[in-house]
N, C-alpha and C. Protein backbone atom coordinates (compact mmCIF):
# COMPACT_ATOMS: atom_id res chain seq x y z
N MET A 1 58.62 5.33 -95.36
CA MET A 1 57.63 6.38 -95.23
C MET A 1 56.89 5.96 -96.80
N CYS A 2 57.65 5.61 -97.97
CA CYS A 2 57.00 5.27 -99.22
C CYS A 2 56.53 4.07 -99.08
N HIS A 3 57.15 3.01 -98.51
CA HIS A 3 56.62 1.72 -98.38
C HIS A 3 55.01 1.72 -97.53
N ARG A 4 54.90 2.73 -96.44
CA ARG A 4 53.67 2.56 -95.70
C ARG A 4 52.82 3.43 -96.92
N TYR A 5 53.11 4.38 -97.69
CA TYR A 5 51.90 5.25 -98.27
C TYR A 5 51.68 4.21 -99.46
N SER A 6 52.46 3.76 -99.83
CA SER A 6 52.29 2.83 -101.19
C SER A 6 51.46 1.68 -101.04
N THR A 7 51.40 1.19 -99.55
CA THR A 7 50.34 -0.02 -98.98
C THR A 7 49.12 0.67 -98.54
N THR A 8 48.86 1.68 -98.63
CA THR A 8 47.54 2.28 -98.26
C THR A 8 46.56 2.35 -99.23
N HIS A 9 46.94 2.38 -100.32
CA HIS A 9 45.83 2.40 -101.28
C HIS A 9 45.81 0.98 -101.96
N VAL A 10 44.45 0.56 -101.64
CA VAL A 10 43.77 -0.65 -101.61
C VAL A 10 44.22 -1.48 -103.09
N THR A 11 44.16 -0.32 -104.20
CA THR A 11 44.20 -1.46 -105.47
C THR A 11 45.70 -1.33 -105.86
N GLN A 12 46.75 -0.98 -104.80
CA GLN A 12 48.42 -1.01 -105.11
C GLN A 12 48.77 -2.35 -104.33
N THR A 13 48.31 -2.89 -103.52
CA THR A 13 48.56 -4.07 -102.50
C THR A 13 48.94 -4.90 -103.19
N SER A 14 48.47 -5.46 -103.95
CA SER A 14 48.57 -6.78 -104.89
C SER A 14 50.45 -6.55 -105.60
N LEU A 15 50.76 -5.23 -105.87
CA LEU A 15 51.88 -5.04 -106.60
C LEU A 15 53.14 -5.14 -105.91
N GLN A 16 54.35 -5.44 -106.25
CA GLN A 16 55.32 -5.29 -105.56
C GLN A 16 55.83 -3.93 -105.60
N TYR A 17 56.87 -3.46 -104.36
CA TYR A 17 57.26 -2.21 -103.96
C TYR A 17 57.34 -1.17 -104.89
N PHE A 18 58.44 -2.10 -106.04
CA PHE A 18 58.93 -0.97 -106.93
C PHE A 18 58.15 -0.38 -108.14
N GLU A 19 57.12 -1.62 -108.52
CA GLU A 19 55.91 -1.12 -109.26
C GLU A 19 55.00 -0.33 -108.99
N ARG A 20 54.65 -0.28 -107.20
CA ARG A 20 53.75 0.80 -106.67
C ARG A 20 54.42 1.84 -106.43
N LEU A 21 56.09 2.37 -106.62
CA LEU A 21 56.34 3.28 -106.66
C LEU A 21 56.50 3.91 -107.90
N ARG A 22 56.69 3.19 -108.90
CA ARG A 22 56.55 3.84 -110.14
C ARG A 22 55.17 4.24 -110.67
N GLN A 23 53.98 3.34 -109.87
CA GLN A 23 52.71 3.84 -110.41
C GLN A 23 52.53 5.10 -109.70
N LEU A 24 52.96 5.41 -108.45
CA LEU A 24 52.38 6.45 -107.85
C LEU A 24 53.57 7.80 -107.96
N ASN A 25 54.34 7.47 -108.98
CA ASN A 25 55.56 8.29 -109.10
C ASN A 25 56.24 8.87 -108.09
N LEU A 26 56.86 7.91 -107.06
CA LEU A 26 57.71 8.27 -106.03
C LEU A 26 58.73 7.82 -106.15
N PRO A 27 59.79 8.58 -106.20
CA PRO A 27 61.19 8.21 -106.04
C PRO A 27 61.72 7.35 -105.02
N THR A 28 62.85 6.51 -105.21
CA THR A 28 63.19 5.65 -104.07
C THR A 28 63.85 6.61 -103.31
N LEU A 29 64.27 6.15 -102.21
CA LEU A 29 65.17 6.96 -101.07
C LEU A 29 66.42 7.23 -101.57
N LYS A 30 67.34 6.37 -102.01
CA LYS A 30 68.25 6.48 -102.74
C LYS A 30 68.64 7.53 -103.72
N TYR A 31 67.51 7.60 -104.43
CA TYR A 31 67.28 8.74 -105.20
C TYR A 31 67.04 10.23 -104.80
N ARG A 32 66.23 10.25 -104.05
CA ARG A 32 65.97 11.59 -103.14
C ARG A 32 67.19 11.91 -102.23
N ARG A 33 68.14 10.99 -101.56
CA ARG A 33 69.39 11.34 -101.38
C ARG A 33 70.47 11.99 -102.42
N LEU A 34 70.52 11.33 -103.36
CA LEU A 34 71.02 11.76 -104.35
C LEU A 34 70.92 13.31 -104.74
N GLN A 35 69.52 13.36 -105.02
CA GLN A 35 68.91 14.59 -105.08
C GLN A 35 69.22 15.73 -104.31
N GLY A 36 69.06 15.08 -103.16
CA GLY A 36 69.41 15.94 -101.86
C GLY A 36 70.76 16.79 -102.08
N ASP A 37 71.53 15.79 -102.07
CA ASP A 37 73.07 16.01 -102.42
C ASP A 37 73.54 17.27 -103.25
N LYS A 38 72.98 16.96 -104.45
CA LYS A 38 73.24 17.80 -105.74
C LYS A 38 72.73 19.06 -105.18
N ILE A 39 71.36 19.37 -104.88
CA ILE A 39 70.77 20.52 -104.58
C ILE A 39 71.93 21.34 -103.68
N LYS A 40 72.42 20.60 -102.54
CA LYS A 40 73.07 21.09 -101.71
C LYS A 40 74.58 21.79 -102.33
N VAL A 41 75.26 20.64 -103.56
CA VAL A 41 76.19 21.43 -104.00
C VAL A 41 76.06 22.40 -105.06
N PHE A 42 74.76 22.43 -105.71
CA PHE A 42 74.23 23.70 -106.56
C PHE A 42 74.21 24.84 -105.60
N LYS A 43 73.70 24.56 -104.57
CA LYS A 43 73.56 25.99 -103.41
C LYS A 43 75.15 26.38 -103.21
N ILE A 44 76.16 25.53 -103.07
CA ILE A 44 77.55 25.65 -102.58
C ILE A 44 77.88 26.47 -103.78
N THR A 45 78.03 25.92 -104.67
CA THR A 45 78.61 26.46 -106.36
C THR A 45 77.93 27.64 -106.80
N HIS A 46 76.46 27.92 -106.43
CA HIS A 46 76.02 29.15 -106.87
C HIS A 46 76.24 30.24 -105.45
N ASN A 47 76.86 29.89 -104.51
CA ASN A 47 76.61 30.76 -103.17
C ASN A 47 75.46 31.26 -102.95
N TYR A 48 74.85 30.39 -102.34
CA TYR A 48 73.28 30.51 -101.69
C TYR A 48 73.75 30.22 -99.99
N TYR A 49 74.72 29.81 -99.98
CA TYR A 49 75.40 29.49 -98.38
C TYR A 49 76.18 30.81 -97.96
N ASP A 50 76.19 30.90 -96.71
CA ASP A 50 77.26 32.11 -96.09
C ASP A 50 78.91 30.98 -96.34
N THR A 51 79.54 31.90 -96.91
CA THR A 51 81.07 31.26 -97.21
C THR A 51 81.76 31.13 -96.27
N GLY A 52 81.51 31.39 -95.14
CA GLY A 52 82.58 30.93 -93.87
C GLY A 52 81.69 29.54 -93.38
N ALA A 53 80.59 29.21 -93.68
CA ALA A 53 80.14 28.36 -93.21
C ALA A 53 79.63 26.92 -94.19
N LEU A 54 80.22 26.92 -94.86
CA LEU A 54 80.12 25.99 -96.37
C LEU A 54 81.34 24.81 -96.44
N VAL A 55 81.04 23.70 -96.90
CA VAL A 55 82.23 22.76 -97.02
C VAL A 55 82.81 23.28 -98.40
N LYS A 56 84.42 22.83 -98.08
CA LYS A 56 85.21 23.86 -99.23
C LYS A 56 85.00 22.55 -100.40
N LEU A 57 84.53 22.99 -101.37
CA LEU A 57 84.54 21.97 -102.62
C LEU A 57 85.92 22.32 -103.70
N ASN A 58 86.61 21.37 -104.10
CA ASN A 58 87.85 21.64 -105.20
C ASN A 58 87.26 21.87 -106.56
N PHE A 59 87.14 22.92 -106.72
CA PHE A 59 87.11 22.95 -108.52
C PHE A 59 88.03 22.49 -109.48
N ASN A 60 87.71 22.38 -110.52
CA ASN A 60 89.08 21.89 -111.74
C ASN A 60 89.25 22.89 -112.47
N PRO A 61 90.27 23.56 -112.01
CA PRO A 61 90.85 24.86 -112.92
C PRO A 61 91.30 24.56 -114.39
N VAL A 62 91.28 23.52 -114.56
CA VAL A 62 91.59 23.38 -115.96
C VAL A 62 90.19 23.24 -116.83
N GLY A 63 90.06 23.65 -118.07
CA GLY A 63 89.15 23.94 -118.73
C GLY A 63 88.97 22.74 -119.64
N SER A 64 87.95 21.72 -119.79
CA SER A 64 88.32 20.51 -120.70
C SER A 64 86.91 20.47 -121.45
N THR A 65 86.91 19.57 -122.13
CA THR A 65 85.73 19.49 -122.96
C THR A 65 84.42 18.57 -122.44
N ARG A 66 84.84 17.89 -121.30
CA ARG A 66 83.95 17.15 -120.97
C ARG A 66 83.60 17.76 -119.38
N GLY A 67 82.33 17.34 -118.51
CA GLY A 67 81.86 18.16 -117.59
C GLY A 67 81.17 19.21 -117.60
N ASN A 68 81.15 19.73 -116.92
CA ASN A 68 80.30 21.34 -116.93
C ASN A 68 81.14 22.36 -116.43
N LYS A 69 80.68 23.47 -116.40
CA LYS A 69 81.43 24.60 -115.87
C LYS A 69 81.82 24.74 -114.77
N PHE A 70 81.09 23.94 -113.73
CA PHE A 70 81.33 23.74 -112.46
C PHE A 70 82.04 22.48 -112.12
N LYS A 71 82.60 22.33 -113.03
CA LYS A 71 83.39 20.84 -112.84
C LYS A 71 84.28 20.62 -111.36
N LEU A 72 83.80 19.60 -110.53
CA LEU A 72 84.85 19.88 -109.05
C LEU A 72 85.95 18.56 -109.62
N ARG A 73 86.97 18.80 -108.68
CA ARG A 73 88.17 17.90 -108.96
C ARG A 73 88.07 16.62 -107.90
N LYS A 74 88.52 15.95 -107.94
CA LYS A 74 88.48 14.68 -106.89
C LYS A 74 89.92 14.03 -106.68
N ASP A 75 90.20 14.72 -105.43
CA ASP A 75 91.64 14.75 -105.02
C ASP A 75 91.45 13.32 -103.94
N MET A 76 92.99 12.60 -104.52
CA MET A 76 93.09 11.36 -104.00
C MET A 76 93.07 11.45 -102.29
N CYS A 77 92.64 10.34 -101.77
CA CYS A 77 92.65 10.49 -100.09
C CYS A 77 93.39 9.01 -99.55
N ARG A 78 94.14 9.25 -98.61
CA ARG A 78 94.77 8.28 -97.90
C ARG A 78 94.21 7.37 -96.94
N TYR A 79 93.08 8.13 -96.46
CA TYR A 79 92.60 7.32 -95.37
C TYR A 79 90.97 7.10 -95.73
N ASP A 80 90.32 5.86 -95.57
CA ASP A 80 89.19 5.33 -95.79
C ASP A 80 87.89 6.46 -95.48
N ILE A 81 88.17 7.21 -94.17
CA ILE A 81 87.09 8.16 -93.69
C ILE A 81 86.98 9.22 -94.87
N ARG A 82 87.95 9.61 -95.70
CA ARG A 82 87.58 10.63 -96.37
C ARG A 82 86.66 10.01 -97.81
N LYS A 83 86.72 9.20 -97.76
CA LYS A 83 86.12 8.19 -99.13
C LYS A 83 84.65 8.44 -98.76
N TYR A 84 84.04 8.25 -97.44
CA TYR A 84 82.82 8.53 -97.29
C TYR A 84 82.39 9.98 -96.67
N SER A 85 82.99 10.99 -96.93
CA SER A 85 82.70 12.33 -96.72
C SER A 85 81.78 12.76 -97.73
N PHE A 86 81.01 13.79 -97.51
CA PHE A 86 80.17 14.61 -98.64
C PHE A 86 80.91 14.92 -99.69
N CYS A 87 82.14 15.81 -99.78
CA CYS A 87 82.85 16.33 -100.97
C CYS A 87 83.20 15.33 -101.56
N TYR A 88 83.77 13.95 -101.22
CA TYR A 88 84.24 13.04 -101.99
C TYR A 88 83.17 12.59 -102.87
N GLN A 89 82.12 12.39 -102.15
CA GLN A 89 80.78 11.37 -102.59
C GLN A 89 80.29 11.87 -103.91
N VAL A 90 80.01 13.38 -103.89
CA VAL A 90 79.21 14.30 -104.87
C VAL A 90 79.97 14.31 -106.18
N VAL A 91 81.33 14.33 -106.23
CA VAL A 91 81.70 14.70 -107.27
C VAL A 91 81.79 13.63 -108.83
N ASN A 92 81.66 12.69 -108.80
CA ASN A 92 81.39 11.80 -109.75
C ASN A 92 80.08 12.25 -110.84
N VAL A 93 79.05 12.23 -109.88
CA VAL A 93 77.72 12.38 -110.56
C VAL A 93 77.70 13.91 -110.57
N TRP A 94 77.98 14.86 -109.92
CA TRP A 94 77.89 16.44 -109.98
C TRP A 94 78.80 16.66 -111.50
N THR A 95 79.67 16.13 -111.78
CA THR A 95 80.74 16.53 -112.87
C THR A 95 80.19 15.84 -114.17
N SER A 96 79.08 14.77 -114.05
CA SER A 96 78.52 14.04 -115.08
C SER A 96 77.29 14.89 -115.51
N LEU A 97 76.79 15.77 -114.67
CA LEU A 97 75.74 16.60 -115.21
C LEU A 97 76.01 17.61 -116.61
N PRO A 98 75.04 17.80 -117.45
CA PRO A 98 75.31 18.68 -118.43
C PRO A 98 75.02 20.19 -117.80
N ASP A 99 75.48 21.13 -118.57
CA ASP A 99 75.36 22.49 -118.36
C ASP A 99 74.10 23.20 -118.17
N TYR A 100 73.35 22.54 -119.21
CA TYR A 100 71.79 23.20 -118.80
C TYR A 100 71.45 23.04 -117.72
N VAL A 101 71.61 21.91 -116.72
CA VAL A 101 71.00 21.45 -115.57
C VAL A 101 72.02 22.32 -114.19
N VAL A 102 72.97 22.18 -114.41
CA VAL A 102 73.86 23.17 -113.48
C VAL A 102 74.11 24.45 -113.61
N GLU A 103 73.42 25.15 -114.65
CA GLU A 103 73.72 26.46 -114.77
C GLU A 103 72.24 27.06 -114.80
N ALA A 104 71.22 26.50 -113.99
CA ALA A 104 70.08 26.94 -113.82
C ALA A 104 70.06 28.44 -112.89
N ASP A 105 68.97 28.96 -113.16
CA ASP A 105 68.68 30.17 -112.36
C ASP A 105 68.38 30.24 -111.04
N SER A 106 67.66 29.33 -110.70
CA SER A 106 66.94 29.20 -109.43
C SER A 106 67.32 27.63 -108.90
N VAL A 107 66.80 27.23 -107.40
CA VAL A 107 66.80 26.02 -107.01
C VAL A 107 65.96 25.11 -107.30
N ASN A 108 64.60 25.96 -107.86
CA ASN A 108 63.79 25.03 -108.05
C ASN A 108 63.78 24.72 -109.67
N SER A 109 64.44 25.57 -110.08
CA SER A 109 64.65 25.18 -111.81
C SER A 109 65.77 24.12 -111.93
N PHE A 110 66.70 24.02 -110.88
CA PHE A 110 67.77 23.22 -110.81
C PHE A 110 67.08 21.80 -110.31
N LYS A 111 66.26 21.85 -109.88
CA LYS A 111 65.38 20.49 -109.32
C LYS A 111 64.55 19.71 -110.49
N SER A 112 64.12 20.90 -111.08
CA SER A 112 63.10 20.53 -112.10
C SER A 112 64.21 19.89 -113.42
N ARG A 113 64.76 20.46 -113.69
CA ARG A 113 65.79 20.35 -114.44
C ARG A 113 66.73 18.69 -114.39
N PHE A 114 66.87 19.02 -113.00
CA PHE A 114 67.50 17.39 -112.57
C PHE A 114 66.82 16.16 -112.62
N ASP A 115 65.65 16.28 -112.31
CA ASP A 115 64.68 15.50 -112.38
C ASP A 115 64.53 14.81 -114.03
N LYS A 116 64.48 15.90 -114.98
CA LYS A 116 64.25 15.64 -115.99
C LYS A 116 65.15 14.96 -116.57
N TYR A 117 65.99 15.06 -116.32
CA TYR A 117 67.89 14.47 -116.82
C TYR A 117 67.52 13.18 -116.26
N TRP A 118 67.48 12.67 -115.11
CA TRP A 118 67.52 11.50 -114.80
C TRP A 118 66.00 10.88 -115.02
N ALA A 119 65.18 11.49 -115.50
CA ALA A 119 63.75 10.64 -115.47
C ALA A 119 63.71 9.09 -116.36
N ASN A 120 64.52 9.21 -117.11
CA ASN A 120 64.65 7.61 -117.67
C ASN A 120 65.36 6.63 -117.06
N GLN A 121 65.83 6.85 -115.74
CA GLN A 121 66.89 6.08 -115.12
C GLN A 121 65.90 5.06 -114.46
N GLU A 122 66.17 3.54 -114.37
CA GLU A 122 65.63 2.88 -113.81
C GLU A 122 66.00 2.84 -112.13
N PHE A 123 67.14 3.68 -111.98
CA PHE A 123 67.52 4.12 -110.70
C PHE A 123 66.47 4.67 -109.79
N VAL A 124 65.57 5.43 -110.51
CA VAL A 124 64.67 6.40 -109.67
C VAL A 124 63.80 5.72 -109.05
N PHE A 125 63.09 4.57 -109.46
CA PHE A 125 62.15 3.89 -108.85
C PHE A 125 62.58 2.18 -108.55
N ASN A 126 63.63 1.90 -108.81
CA ASN A 126 64.22 0.66 -108.52
C ASN A 126 65.64 0.87 -107.49
N LEU A 127 65.26 0.32 -106.31
CA LEU A 127 66.19 0.33 -105.34
C LEU A 127 67.69 -0.50 -105.70
N ASN A 128 67.33 -1.55 -106.34
CA ASN A 128 68.45 -2.56 -106.77
C ASN A 128 69.27 -2.16 -107.86
N SER A 129 68.84 -1.21 -108.74
CA SER A 129 69.70 -1.23 -109.88
C SER A 129 70.50 -0.02 -109.83
N GLU A 130 71.47 0.40 -110.82
CA GLU A 130 72.82 1.16 -110.52
C GLU A 130 72.50 2.16 -111.40
N LEU A 131 73.19 3.25 -110.81
CA LEU A 131 73.03 4.83 -111.70
C LEU A 131 74.05 4.47 -112.82
N ILE A 132 73.63 4.95 -114.11
CA ILE A 132 74.19 4.76 -115.20
C ILE A 132 74.24 6.17 -115.96
N GLY A 133 74.98 6.30 -116.70
CA GLY A 133 75.16 7.76 -117.31
C GLY A 133 76.17 9.07 -116.49
N THR A 134 77.20 8.26 -115.87
CA THR A 134 78.10 9.22 -114.99
C THR A 134 79.18 9.25 -115.83
N GLY A 135 79.23 8.66 -116.87
CA GLY A 135 80.55 8.58 -117.86
C GLY A 135 81.60 7.57 -117.40
N GLY A 136 81.08 6.60 -117.03
CA GLY A 136 81.95 5.34 -116.53
C GLY A 136 82.40 5.57 -115.15
N LEU A 137 82.18 6.76 -114.31
CA LEU A 137 82.49 7.12 -112.95
C LEU A 137 81.66 6.40 -112.17
N PRO A 138 82.15 5.72 -110.99
CA PRO A 138 81.63 4.93 -110.01
C PRO A 138 80.90 6.22 -109.11
N VAL A 139 79.80 5.42 -108.31
CA VAL A 139 78.72 6.59 -107.37
C VAL A 139 79.04 5.85 -106.15
N CYS A 140 79.44 6.77 -105.11
CA CYS A 140 79.25 5.99 -103.86
C CYS A 140 78.14 6.46 -103.19
N MET A 141 77.35 5.72 -102.50
CA MET A 141 76.35 5.93 -102.06
C MET A 141 76.30 5.19 -100.62
C-alpha cells in the first residue's frame, strides 16, 4: 500500500522507497505493526477490553527503578511456539517505554506520545534498520 501510494506522485518516482516514505511522512509496515501491538497492550493494561476475552499479560510485581508502572514480566518458554505469541513479543518494547507514554489518559494521547517517543528512530522510515532504545533487549518481530 505504501509503495503504491508513494509511486503515484510524479515527483517522487526517482527517489528510493525509504526516501519517499520519509518525504511523505509514512511509517513502514514494521513500525505500524509495532505501534498496533503497543496500542493493544495499552488497551489491555488500562482495561479497555472485557476481562474475560482478553489475553493474560504477566505484570512484574517487583517495583524497580527501570521500566514503567505497567512493567510486564517475560517468562521463560520451553517450546518455540510460545516465542512467537503476542504476549511474548510485546514485553521488551513495552517495558522500555517511559512512564509519560504508558500513563496516557486515552488511546489517542497514547498514540501521539508513542509516535513522539519514537520520532527520531531510523526504524520508522527504514525497513532494514533495527529498533534501538529498548535497553539492550531484543525485539521479536
